[in-house]
């Protein structure tokens, strides 16, 4: 082999990507990550624009054990009513019709004509982003004073869960598309105000895998509430289940007005003595957990934990 012969010691991978993250409703992009841990960019983009990320060594560079880096122009597209066709997508489909992707929030990753430089291995970590969403255009004018809730230990505000439920009922984009007049403003405003006072916001992502009713039930599970359609007036109403009642006002069921058909009780060994609560740490971009132990029951179990995991991944604050 002559000294002029070249030796291939690795490859650089370039990839053009068009990612659709959500329906319209995203109002700000805060962070872009590669996978769960690698922060590619942080800032505050609120309208269509292109950002440039130039980090050729962020995955370890070209040295031994390194995976290269990341270089890309990222076209952030909020899907507004006047959004035009992306120039990179048009160049990739020369001579073919390319949609403008209005009413869709997405990003196009490119770097010249080759696409974005995504590293020196064929395995590309998923591109993730932290964004702020709002109510849909059909419902965004309802009680803006209660919409955002900022937790003490969260870097960005969450949305009021009542606004999510109202959106799921009235939005044409993500909900049932019913008239907002079918939503009881009194009970919804009271619940939204209470959650605001509690500092109880959520950040949730809904996919098409579940229907709207299941989405509503998932929000209710997080905030301990019920949503129902009142047969007396046909309106959707909401009730937060809280310690706000008097015992004397409750119905009493006993041997005088009820009949016991079946009875069972879990044994000591079957009772849960440890609860693991999973939430989503917004700052870190990954799920975290808090563990609660019943020390007395743990002692009865001989020190052996009988755990139950409960997921509240719409909650982004430990407090």
C-alpha atoms as a PDB file:
ATOM      1  CA  UNK A   1       0.000   0.000   0.000  1.00  0.00           C
ATOM      2  CA  UNK A   2       1.471   3.343  -0.998  1.00  0.00           C
ATOM      3  CA  UNK A   3       1.537   6.345   1.279  1.00  0.00           C
ATOM      4  CA  UNK A   4      -0.935   8.061  -1.031  1.00  0.00           C
ATOM      5  CA  UNK A   5      -3.666   5.486  -0.419  1.00  0.00           C
ATOM      6  CA  UNK A   6      -6.501   6.748   1.780  1.00  0.00           C
ATOM      7  CA  UNK A   7      -7.941   4.796   4.663  1.00  0.00           C
ATOM      8  CA  UNK A   8     -11.549   5.151   5.744  1.00  0.00           C
ATOM      9  CA  UNK A   9     -11.707   5.388   9.511  1.00  0.00           C
ATOM     10  CA  UNK A  10     -15.358   6.371   9.852  1.00  0.00           C
ATOM     11  CA  UNK A  11     -18.357   8.045   8.312  1.00  0.00           C
ATOM     12  CA  UNK A  12     -20.374  11.159   8.932  1.00  0.00           C
ATOM     13  CA  UNK A  13     -24.119  10.825   8.671  1.00  0.00           C
ATOM     14  CA  UNK A  14     -26.379  13.510   7.229  1.00  0.00           C
ATOM     15  CA  UNK A  15     -30.127  13.298   7.454  1.00  0.00           C
ATOM     16  CA  UNK A  16     -32.964  15.514   6.312  1.00  0.00           C
ATOM     17  CA  UNK A  17     -35.876  15.354   8.748  1.00  0.00           C
ATOM     18  CA  UNK A  18     -39.398  16.702   8.816  1.00  0.00           C
ATOM     19  CA  UNK A  19     -40.926  16.174  12.255  1.00  0.00           C
ATOM     20  CA  UNK A  20     -44.563  16.861  13.138  1.00  0.00           C
ATOM     21  CA  UNK A  21     -44.923  17.132  16.908  1.00  0.00           C
ATOM     22  CA  UNK A  22     -48.484  18.343  17.416  1.00  0.00           C
ATOM     23  CA  UNK A  23     -51.564  19.967  16.027  1.00  0.00           C
ATOM     24  CA  UNK A  24     -51.594  23.752  16.045  1.00  0.00           C
ATOM     25  CA  UNK A  25     -51.617  25.250  19.518  1.00  0.00           C
ATOM     26  CA  UNK A  26     -47.888  25.362  20.279  1.00  0.00           C
ATOM     27  CA  UNK A  27     -46.968  28.958  21.116  1.00  0.00           C
ATOM     28  CA  UNK A  28     -43.289  28.722  22.114  1.00  0.00           C
ATOM     29  CA  UNK A  29     -40.288  26.407  21.731  1.00  0.00           C
ATOM     30  CA  UNK A  30     -37.953  26.377  24.746  1.00  0.00           C
ATOM     31  CA  UNK A  31     -35.459  23.524  24.280  1.00  0.00           C
ATOM     32  CA  UNK A  32     -34.380  20.963  21.688  1.00  0.00           C
ATOM     33  CA  UNK A  33     -32.725  17.732  22.815  1.00  0.00           C
ATOM     34  CA  UNK A  34     -31.141  14.684  21.276  1.00  0.00           C
ATOM     35  CA  UNK A  35     -32.531  11.797  23.281  1.00  0.00           C
ATOM     36  CA  UNK A  36     -33.269  12.409  26.952  1.00  0.00           C
ATOM     37  CA  UNK A  37     -30.016  14.016  28.060  1.00  0.00           C
ATOM     38  CA  UNK A  38     -28.173  15.923  25.315  1.00  0.00           C
ATOM     39  CA  UNK A  39     -29.304  19.543  25.133  1.00  0.00           C
ATOM     40  CA  UNK A  40     -28.812  20.847  21.612  1.00  0.00           C
ATOM     41  CA  UNK A  41     -30.393  24.274  21.996  1.00  0.00           C
ATOM     42  CA  UNK A  42     -32.327  26.441  24.442  1.00  0.00           C
ATOM     43  CA  UNK A  43     -34.039  29.765  23.932  1.00  0.00           C
ATOM     44  CA  UNK A  44     -37.500  31.133  23.213  1.00  0.00           C
ATOM     45  CA  UNK A  45     -38.951  30.966  19.706  1.00  0.00           C
ATOM     46  CA  UNK A  46     -42.538  32.129  19.313  1.00  0.00           C
ATOM     47  CA  UNK A  47     -42.918  32.515  15.539  1.00  0.00           C
ATOM     48  CA  UNK A  48     -41.728  30.832  12.357  1.00  0.00           C
ATOM     49  CA  UNK A  49     -37.962  31.159  12.060  1.00  0.00           C
ATOM     50  CA  UNK A  50     -34.770  29.252  11.415  1.00  0.00           C
ATOM     51  CA  UNK A  51     -32.228  28.561  14.149  1.00  0.00           C
ATOM     52  CA  UNK A  52     -28.694  27.273  13.602  1.00  0.00           C
ATOM     53  CA  UNK A  53     -27.081  24.663  15.864  1.00  0.00           C
ATOM     54  CA  UNK A  54     -23.320  24.250  15.395  1.00  0.00           C
ATOM     55  CA  UNK A  55     -22.030  21.623  17.844  1.00  0.00           C
ATOM     56  CA  UNK A  56     -19.723  19.277  15.906  1.00  0.00           C
ATOM     57  CA  UNK A  57     -18.307  17.676  19.067  1.00  0.00           C
ATOM     58  CA  UNK A  58     -21.370  17.402  21.317  1.00  0.00           C
ATOM     59  CA  UNK A  59     -21.462  13.577  21.038  1.00  0.00           C
ATOM     60  CA  UNK A  60     -17.763  13.188  21.801  1.00  0.00           C
ATOM     61  CA  UNK A  61     -16.325  14.467  18.530  1.00  0.00           C
ATOM     62  CA  UNK A  62     -14.145  12.421  16.208  1.00  0.00           C
ATOM     63  CA  UNK A  63     -11.813  10.996  18.859  1.00  0.00           C
ATOM     64  CA  UNK A  64     -11.723   7.452  20.173  1.00  0.00           C
ATOM     65  CA  UNK A  65     -15.178   6.498  21.442  1.00  0.00           C
ATOM     66  CA  UNK A  66     -16.742   9.698  20.147  1.00  0.00           C
ATOM     67  CA  UNK A  67     -19.937   9.757  18.119  1.00  0.00           C
ATOM     68  CA  UNK A  68     -19.363  13.036  16.348  1.00  0.00           C
ATOM     69  CA  UNK A  69     -21.695  15.953  16.791  1.00  0.00           C
ATOM     70  CA  UNK A  70     -24.689  17.841  15.484  1.00  0.00           C
ATOM     71  CA  UNK A  71     -24.910  20.652  12.923  1.00  0.00           C
ATOM     72  CA  UNK A  72     -28.237  21.767  11.511  1.00  0.00           C
ATOM     73  CA  UNK A  73     -30.426  24.576  10.395  1.00  0.00           C
ATOM     74  CA  UNK A  74     -33.820  23.973  12.004  1.00  0.00           C
ATOM     75  CA  UNK A  75     -36.875  25.562  10.442  1.00  0.00           C
ATOM     76  CA  UNK A  76     -39.439  25.914  13.215  1.00  0.00           C
ATOM     77  CA  UNK A  77     -42.960  25.993  11.776  1.00  0.00           C
ATOM     78  CA  UNK A  78     -45.936  26.773  14.005  1.00  0.00           C
ATOM     79  CA  UNK A  79     -48.534  25.986  11.343  1.00  0.00           C
ATOM     80  CA  UNK A  80     -50.207  29.379  11.137  1.00  0.00           C
ATOM     81  CA  UNK A  81     -52.889  30.239   8.553  1.00  0.00           C
ATOM     82  CA  UNK A  82     -50.403  31.949   6.185  1.00  0.00           C
ATOM     83  CA  UNK A  83     -47.542  29.441   6.500  1.00  0.00           C
ATOM     84  CA  UNK A  84     -45.941  28.688   3.128  1.00  0.00           C
ATOM     85  CA  UNK A  85     -44.218  25.620   1.713  1.00  0.00           C
ATOM     86  CA  UNK A  86     -40.835  24.884   3.261  1.00  0.00           C
ATOM     87  CA  UNK A  87     -38.038  25.387   0.708  1.00  0.00           C
ATOM     88  CA  UNK A  88     -36.092  22.275   1.776  1.00  0.00           C
ATOM     89  CA  UNK A  89     -39.143  20.035   1.519  1.00  0.00           C
ATOM     90  CA  UNK A  90     -39.899  21.500  -1.896  1.00  0.00           C
ATOM     91  CA  UNK A  91     -36.349  20.752  -3.076  1.00  0.00           C
ATOM     92  CA  UNK A  92     -36.662  17.139  -1.891  1.00  0.00           C
ATOM     93  CA  UNK A  93     -39.845  16.663  -3.914  1.00  0.00           C
ATOM     94  CA  UNK A  94     -39.024  18.556  -7.077  1.00  0.00           C
ATOM     95  CA  UNK A  95     -41.949  18.719  -9.452  1.00  0.00           C
ATOM     96  CA  UNK A  96     -44.416  17.392  -6.894  1.00  0.00           C
ATOM     97  CA  UNK A  97     -47.004  19.168  -4.823  1.00  0.00           C
ATOM     98  CA  UNK A  98     -45.861  19.808  -1.242  1.00  0.00           C
ATOM     99  CA  UNK A  99     -48.331  20.900   1.463  1.00  0.00           C
ATOM    100  CA  UNK A 100     -47.715  23.893   3.711  1.00  0.00           C
ATOM    101  CA  UNK A 101     -48.577  21.880   6.833  1.00  0.00           C
ATOM    102  CA  UNK A 102     -50.799  24.580   8.282  1.00  0.00           C
ATOM    103  CA  UNK A 103     -52.507  23.770  11.601  1.00  0.00           C
ATOM    104  CA  UNK A 104     -49.569  21.489  12.375  1.00  0.00           C
ATOM    105  CA  UNK A 105     -46.535  22.284  14.515  1.00  0.00           C
ATOM    106  CA  UNK A 106     -43.303  20.861  13.148  1.00  0.00           C
ATOM    107  CA  UNK A 107     -39.609  21.283  12.407  1.00  0.00           C
ATOM    108  CA  UNK A 108     -37.444  20.689   9.361  1.00  0.00           C
ATOM    109  CA  UNK A 109     -33.809  19.749  10.064  1.00  0.00           C
ATOM    110  CA  UNK A 110     -31.344  20.445   7.274  1.00  0.00           C
ATOM    111  CA  UNK A 111     -27.761  21.521   6.611  1.00  0.00           C
ATOM    112  CA  UNK A 112     -27.149  22.454   3.025  1.00  0.00           C
ATOM    113  CA  UNK A 113     -28.459  19.992   0.474  1.00  0.00           C
ATOM    114  CA  UNK A 114     -27.323  16.930   2.447  1.00  0.00           C
ATOM    115  CA  UNK A 115     -29.515  17.322   5.476  1.00  0.00           C
ATOM    116  CA  UNK A 116     -28.448  17.831   9.076  1.00  0.00           C
ATOM    117  CA  UNK A 117     -25.187  16.361  10.372  1.00  0.00           C
ATOM    118  CA  UNK A 118     -26.359  13.953  13.089  1.00  0.00           C
ATOM    119  CA  UNK A 119     -23.137  12.185  14.120  1.00  0.00           C
ATOM    120  CA  UNK A 120     -20.733   9.437  13.158  1.00  0.00           C
ATOM    121  CA  UNK A 121     -22.952   6.410  13.794  1.00  0.00           C
ATOM    122  CA  UNK A 122     -25.994   5.082  12.052  1.00  0.00           C
ATOM    123  CA  UNK A 123     -28.020   5.177  15.267  1.00  0.00           C
ATOM    124  CA  UNK A 124     -29.688   8.563  15.674  1.00  0.00           C
ATOM    125  CA  UNK A 125     -31.224   9.455  19.017  1.00  0.00           C
ATOM    126  CA  UNK A 126     -34.794  10.770  18.844  1.00  0.00           C
ATOM    127  CA  UNK A 127     -35.139  14.536  18.555  1.00  0.00           C
ATOM    128  CA  UNK A 128     -37.219  15.888  21.435  1.00  0.00           C
ATOM    129  CA  UNK A 129     -38.322  19.377  22.308  1.00  0.00           C
ATOM    130  CA  UNK A 130     -39.787  21.302  25.217  1.00  0.00           C
ATOM    131  CA  UNK A 131     -42.595  23.561  24.087  1.00  0.00           C
ATOM    132  CA  UNK A 132     -45.456  25.553  25.505  1.00  0.00           C
ATOM    133  CA  UNK A 133     -48.942  24.908  24.181  1.00  0.00           C
ATOM    134  CA  UNK A 134     -52.130  26.882  24.594  1.00  0.00           C
ATOM    135  CA  UNK A 135     -55.829  26.383  24.147  1.00  0.00           C
ATOM    136  CA  UNK A 136     -57.033  25.926  20.604  1.00  0.00           C
ATOM    137  CA  UNK A 137     -58.305  28.855  18.571  1.00  0.00           C
ATOM    138  CA  UNK A 138     -61.869  27.859  19.425  1.00  0.00           C
ATOM    139  CA  UNK A 139     -61.420  28.207  23.205  1.00  0.00           C
ATOM    140  CA  UNK A 140     -58.328  30.321  23.846  1.00  0.00           C
ATOM    141  CA  UNK A 141     -60.308  33.419  24.827  1.00  0.00           C
ATOM    142  CA  UNK A 142     -61.848  31.726  27.897  1.00  0.00           C
ATOM    143  CA  UNK A 143     -60.471  32.920  31.254  1.00  0.00           C
ATOM    144  CA  UNK A 144     -56.899  33.765  30.202  1.00  0.00           C
ATOM    145  CA  UNK A 145     -56.285  34.954  33.785  1.00  0.00           C
ATOM    146  CA  UNK A 146     -56.528  31.336  34.985  1.00  0.00           C
ATOM    147  CA  UNK A 147     -54.860  29.574  32.066  1.00  0.00           C
ATOM    148  CA  UNK A 148     -51.227  29.389  33.248  1.00  0.00           C
ATOM    149  CA  UNK A 149     -50.042  27.947  36.564  1.00  0.00           C
ATOM    150  CA  UNK A 150     -46.412  28.293  37.647  1.00  0.00           C
ATOM    151  CA  UNK A 151     -45.085  25.741  40.135  1.00  0.00           C
ATOM    152  CA  UNK A 152     -42.352  26.909  42.501  1.00  0.00           C
ATOM    153  CA  UNK A 153     -39.810  24.351  41.269  1.00  0.00           C
ATOM    154  CA  UNK A 154     -40.732  24.307  37.552  1.00  0.00           C
ATOM    155  CA  UNK A 155     -38.849  26.382  34.951  1.00  0.00           C
ATOM    156  CA  UNK A 156     -41.940  27.020  32.835  1.00  0.00           C
ATOM    157  CA  UNK A 157     -45.653  27.302  33.561  1.00  0.00           C
ATOM    158  CA  UNK A 158     -48.132  24.457  33.175  1.00  0.00           C
ATOM    159  CA  UNK A 159     -51.625  24.854  31.802  1.00  0.00           C
ATOM    160  CA  UNK A 160     -54.715  24.774  33.973  1.00  0.00           C
ATOM    161  CA  UNK A 161     -56.253  21.268  33.679  1.00  0.00           C
ATOM    162  CA  UNK A 162     -59.745  22.752  33.371  1.00  0.00           C
ATOM    163  CA  UNK A 163     -58.655  24.545  30.214  1.00  0.00           C
ATOM    164  CA  UNK A 164     -57.503  21.206  28.785  1.00  0.00           C
ATOM    165  CA  UNK A 165     -60.856  19.573  29.540  1.00  0.00           C
ATOM    166  CA  UNK A 166     -62.759  22.500  28.083  1.00  0.00           C
ATOM    167  CA  UNK A 167     -60.585  22.290  24.967  1.00  0.00           C
ATOM    168  CA  UNK A 168     -61.244  18.564  24.639  1.00  0.00           C
ATOM    169  CA  UNK A 169     -64.964  19.279  24.608  1.00  0.00           C
ATOM    170  CA  UNK A 170     -65.051  22.331  22.330  1.00  0.00           C
ATOM    171  CA  UNK A 171     -61.995  22.127  20.043  1.00  0.00           C
ATOM    172  CA  UNK A 172     -62.360  21.063  16.412  1.00  0.00           C
ATOM    173  CA  UNK A 173     -58.652  20.172  16.308  1.00  0.00           C
ATOM    174  CA  UNK A 174     -58.285  17.814  19.258  1.00  0.00           C
ATOM    175  CA  UNK A 175     -61.715  17.505  20.823  1.00  0.00           C
ATOM    176  CA  UNK A 176     -65.349  16.738  20.210  1.00  0.00           C
ATOM    177  CA  UNK A 177     -65.960  20.009  18.381  1.00  0.00           C
ATOM    178  CA  UNK A 178     -69.071  20.842  20.403  1.00  0.00           C
ATOM    179  CA  UNK A 179     -70.273  24.373  20.989  1.00  0.00           C
ATOM    180  CA  UNK A 180     -68.646  26.022  24.007  1.00  0.00           C
ATOM    181  CA  UNK A 181     -72.166  26.961  25.125  1.00  0.00           C
ATOM    182  CA  UNK A 182     -72.655  23.347  26.229  1.00  0.00           C
ATOM    183  CA  UNK A 183     -69.919  23.803  28.866  1.00  0.00           C
ATOM    184  CA  UNK A 184     -71.127  25.088  32.238  1.00  0.00           C
ATOM    185  CA  UNK A 185     -69.064  28.239  32.775  1.00  0.00           C
ATOM    186  CA  UNK A 186     -69.881  28.476  36.488  1.00  0.00           C
ATOM    187  CA  UNK A 187     -68.557  25.077  37.574  1.00  0.00           C
ATOM    188  CA  UNK A 188     -65.618  25.213  35.148  1.00  0.00           C
ATOM    189  CA  UNK A 189     -64.567  28.676  36.325  1.00  0.00           C
ATOM    190  CA  UNK A 190     -64.851  27.631  39.983  1.00  0.00           C
ATOM    191  CA  UNK A 191     -62.701  24.541  39.388  1.00  0.00           C
ATOM    192  CA  UNK A 192     -60.150  26.490  37.345  1.00  0.00           C
ATOM    193  CA  UNK A 193     -59.884  29.103  40.072  1.00  0.00           C
ATOM    194  CA  UNK A 194     -59.384  26.444  42.782  1.00  0.00           C
ATOM    195  CA  UNK A 195     -56.667  24.666  40.794  1.00  0.00           C
ATOM    196  CA  UNK A 196     -54.969  28.025  40.237  1.00  0.00           C
ATOM    197  CA  UNK A 197     -54.993  28.617  44.001  1.00  0.00           C
ATOM    198  CA  UNK A 198     -53.633  25.110  44.589  1.00  0.00           C
ATOM    199  CA  UNK A 199     -50.838  25.697  42.081  1.00  0.00           C
ATOM    200  CA  UNK A 200     -51.987  22.544  40.306  1.00  0.00           C
ATOM    201  CA  UNK A 201     -51.137  22.779  36.623  1.00  0.00           C
ATOM    202  CA  UNK A 202     -50.302  19.920  34.260  1.00  0.00           C
ATOM    203  CA  UNK A 203     -48.349  19.424  31.048  1.00  0.00           C
ATOM    204  CA  UNK A 204     -49.750  16.533  29.034  1.00  0.00           C
ATOM    205  CA  UNK A 205     -49.391  15.067  25.574  1.00  0.00           C
ATOM    206  CA  UNK A 206     -52.329  13.286  23.949  1.00  0.00           C
ATOM    207  CA  UNK A 207     -51.978  10.987  20.967  1.00  0.00           C
ATOM    208  CA  UNK A 208     -54.588   9.540  18.680  1.00  0.00           C
ATOM    209  CA  UNK A 209     -54.283   6.162  20.374  1.00  0.00           C
ATOM    210  CA  UNK A 210     -57.073   7.052  22.814  1.00  0.00           C
ATOM    211  CA  UNK A 211     -60.398   8.750  22.284  1.00  0.00           C
ATOM    212  CA  UNK A 212     -61.437  12.127  23.668  1.00  0.00           C
ATOM    213  CA  UNK A 213     -63.374  10.639  26.589  1.00  0.00           C
ATOM    214  CA  UNK A 214     -60.296   8.709  27.709  1.00  0.00           C
ATOM    215  CA  UNK A 215     -58.236  11.913  27.502  1.00  0.00           C
ATOM    216  CA  UNK A 216     -60.752  13.690  29.727  1.00  0.00           C
ATOM    217  CA  UNK A 217     -60.695  10.832  32.217  1.00  0.00           C
ATOM    218  CA  UNK A 218     -56.888  10.943  32.331  1.00  0.00           C
ATOM    219  CA  UNK A 219     -56.938  14.652  33.207  1.00  0.00           C
ATOM    220  CA  UNK A 220     -59.584  13.965  35.865  1.00  0.00           C
ATOM    221  CA  UNK A 221     -57.444  11.171  37.304  1.00  0.00           C
ATOM    222  CA  UNK A 222     -54.544  13.584  37.713  1.00  0.00           C
ATOM    223  CA  UNK A 223     -56.580  16.254  39.504  1.00  0.00           C
ATOM    224  CA  UNK A 224     -59.091  13.970  41.264  1.00  0.00           C
ATOM    225  CA  UNK A 225     -62.216  15.289  39.580  1.00  0.00           C
ATOM    226  CA  UNK A 226     -65.301  14.145  37.720  1.00  0.00           C
ATOM    227  CA  UNK A 227     -66.794  15.587  34.544  1.00  0.00           C
ATOM    228  CA  UNK A 228     -70.409  14.780  33.751  1.00  0.00           C
ATOM    229  CA  UNK A 229     -73.256  15.962  31.568  1.00  0.00           C
ATOM    230  CA  UNK A 230     -76.077  17.146  33.799  1.00  0.00           C
ATOM    231  CA  UNK A 231     -79.370  15.616  32.563  1.00  0.00           C
ATOM    232  CA  UNK A 232     -81.313  18.577  33.955  1.00  0.00           C
ATOM    233  CA  UNK A 233     -79.814  21.102  31.530  1.00  0.00           C
ATOM    234  CA  UNK A 234     -77.514  19.112  29.215  1.00  0.00           C
ATOM    235  CA  UNK A 235     -74.406  21.050  30.261  1.00  0.00           C
ATOM    236  CA  UNK A 236     -70.987  19.560  30.893  1.00  0.00           C
ATOM    237  CA  UNK A 237     -70.022  20.232  34.508  1.00  0.00           C
ATOM    238  CA  UNK A 238     -66.931  19.528  36.583  1.00  0.00           C
ATOM    239  CA  UNK A 239     -66.494  18.770  40.282  1.00  0.00           C
ATOM    240  CA  UNK A 240     -63.160  18.617  42.079  1.00  0.00           C
ATOM    241  CA  UNK A 241     -63.157  15.904  44.740  1.00  0.00           C
ATOM    242  CA  UNK A 242     -61.793  17.680  47.784  1.00  0.00           C
ATOM    243  CA  UNK A 243     -62.290  17.761  51.547  1.00  0.00           C
ATOM    244  CA  UNK A 244     -64.915  20.485  51.229  1.00  0.00           C
ATOM    245  CA  UNK A 245     -68.018  18.783  52.622  1.00  0.00           C
ATOM    246  CA  UNK A 246     -69.676  18.144  55.946  1.00  0.00           C
ATOM    247  CA  UNK A 247     -70.128  14.569  57.171  1.00  0.00           C
ATOM    248  CA  UNK A 248     -73.691  15.320  58.185  1.00  0.00           C
ATOM    249  CA  UNK A 249     -74.524  16.157  54.561  1.00  0.00           C
ATOM    250  CA  UNK A 250     -73.483  12.741  53.259  1.00  0.00           C
ATOM    251  CA  UNK A 251     -75.734   9.746  52.667  1.00  0.00           C
ATOM    252  CA  UNK A 252     -75.255   6.976  55.227  1.00  0.00           C
ATOM    253  CA  UNK A 253     -75.443   3.344  54.168  1.00  0.00           C
ATOM    254  CA  UNK A 254     -75.893   0.836  57.011  1.00  0.00           C
ATOM    255  CA  UNK A 255     -77.855  -2.292  57.924  1.00  0.00           C
ATOM    256  CA  UNK A 256     -81.069  -0.259  58.110  1.00  0.00           C
ATOM    257  CA  UNK A 257     -81.105   0.780  54.444  1.00  0.00           C
ATOM    258  CA  UNK A 258     -78.808  -1.675  52.653  1.00  0.00           C
ATOM    259  CA  UNK A 259     -78.088  -5.388  52.349  1.00  0.00           C
ATOM    260  CA  UNK A 260     -74.564  -6.831  52.327  1.00  0.00           C
ATOM    261  CA  UNK A 261     -74.223  -9.230  49.426  1.00  0.00           C
ATOM    262  CA  UNK A 262     -70.509  -9.952  49.518  1.00  0.00           C
ATOM    263  CA  UNK A 263     -67.568  -8.932  51.660  1.00  0.00           C
ATOM    264  CA  UNK A 264     -63.818  -9.413  51.354  1.00  0.00           C
ATOM    265  CA  UNK A 265     -60.773  -7.857  52.937  1.00  0.00           C
ATOM    266  CA  UNK A 266     -57.136  -7.994  51.852  1.00  0.00           C
ATOM    267  CA  UNK A 267     -54.791  -9.686  54.291  1.00  0.00           C
ATOM    268  CA  UNK A 268     -51.858  -7.883  55.867  1.00  0.00           C
ATOM    269  CA  UNK A 269     -49.455  -9.477  53.429  1.00  0.00           C
ATOM    270  CA  UNK A 270     -51.457  -8.197  50.443  1.00  0.00           C
ATOM    271  CA  UNK A 271     -51.647  -4.598  51.581  1.00  0.00           C
ATOM    272  CA  UNK A 272     -49.423  -2.036  49.846  1.00  0.00           C
ATOM    273  CA  UNK A 273     -46.829  -0.485  52.133  1.00  0.00           C
ATOM    274  CA  UNK A 274     -44.883   1.459  49.509  1.00  0.00           C
ATOM    275  CA  UNK A 275     -46.228   3.772  46.812  1.00  0.00           C
ATOM    276  CA  UNK A 276     -43.952   4.980  44.025  1.00  0.00           C
ATOM    277  CA  UNK A 277     -45.349   8.107  42.362  1.00  0.00           C
ATOM    278  CA  UNK A 278     -43.952   8.753  38.888  1.00  0.00           C
ATOM    279  CA  UNK A 279     -44.002  12.292  37.488  1.00  0.00           C
ATOM    280  CA  UNK A 280     -42.264  14.035  34.587  1.00  0.00           C
ATOM    281  CA  UNK A 281     -39.352  16.278  35.525  1.00  0.00           C
ATOM    282  CA  UNK A 282     -39.676  19.138  33.044  1.00  0.00           C
ATOM    283  CA  UNK A 283     -36.186  20.494  33.714  1.00  0.00           C
ATOM    284  CA  UNK A 284     -34.458  17.156  33.075  1.00  0.00           C
ATOM    285  CA  UNK A 285     -36.806  16.061  30.308  1.00  0.00           C
ATOM    286  CA  UNK A 286     -37.421  12.621  31.789  1.00  0.00           C
ATOM    287  CA  UNK A 287     -39.618  10.800  34.281  1.00  0.00           C
ATOM    288  CA  UNK A 288     -38.662  10.844  37.964  1.00  0.00           C
ATOM    289  CA  UNK A 289     -40.318   9.385  41.043  1.00  0.00           C
ATOM    290  CA  UNK A 290     -41.121  10.003  44.691  1.00  0.00           C
ATOM    291  CA  UNK A 291     -41.455   7.063  47.108  1.00  0.00           C
ATOM    292  CA  UNK A 292     -43.757   7.014  50.128  1.00  0.00           C
ATOM    293  CA  UNK A 293     -43.500   4.254  52.749  1.00  0.00           C
ATOM    294  CA  UNK A 294     -45.939   3.135  55.458  1.00  0.00           C
ATOM    295  CA  UNK A 295     -43.343   2.294  58.099  1.00  0.00           C
ATOM    296  CA  UNK A 296     -45.788   0.576  60.452  1.00  0.00           C
ATOM    297  CA  UNK A 297     -47.148  -1.690  57.723  1.00  0.00           C
ATOM    298  CA  UNK A 298     -43.619  -2.283  56.495  1.00  0.00           C
ATOM    299  CA  UNK A 299     -42.733  -3.553  59.972  1.00  0.00           C
ATOM    300  CA  UNK A 300     -45.705  -5.927  59.887  1.00  0.00           C
ATOM    301  CA  UNK A 301     -44.396  -7.214  56.539  1.00  0.00           C
ATOM    302  CA  UNK A 302     -41.064  -8.001  58.163  1.00  0.00           C
ATOM    303  CA  UNK A 303     -39.304  -5.223  56.256  1.00  0.00           C
ATOM    304  CA  UNK A 304     -40.341  -6.523  52.847  1.00  0.00           C
ATOM    305  CA  UNK A 305     -41.872  -3.846  50.585  1.00  0.00           C
ATOM    306  CA  UNK A 306     -45.098  -4.512  48.708  1.00  0.00           C
ATOM    307  CA  UNK A 307     -44.926  -1.704  46.180  1.00  0.00           C
ATOM    308  CA  UNK A 308     -47.435  -0.078  43.894  1.00  0.00           C
ATOM    309  CA  UNK A 309     -46.447   2.341  41.140  1.00  0.00           C
ATOM    310  CA  UNK A 310     -48.802   5.190  40.263  1.00  0.00           C
ATOM    311  CA  UNK A 311     -48.056   7.296  37.182  1.00  0.00           C
ATOM    312  CA  UNK A 312     -48.915  10.982  37.023  1.00  0.00           C
ATOM    313  CA  UNK A 313     -46.699  11.939  34.089  1.00  0.00           C
ATOM    314  CA  UNK A 314     -48.750  15.059  33.388  1.00  0.00           C
ATOM    315  CA  UNK A 315     -47.377  16.560  36.618  1.00  0.00           C
ATOM    316  CA  UNK A 316     -44.028  18.294  36.091  1.00  0.00           C
ATOM    317  CA  UNK A 317     -43.322  19.439  39.656  1.00  0.00           C
ATOM    318  CA  UNK A 318     -42.239  17.493  42.726  1.00  0.00           C
ATOM    319  CA  UNK A 319     -43.923  20.001  45.039  1.00  0.00           C
END
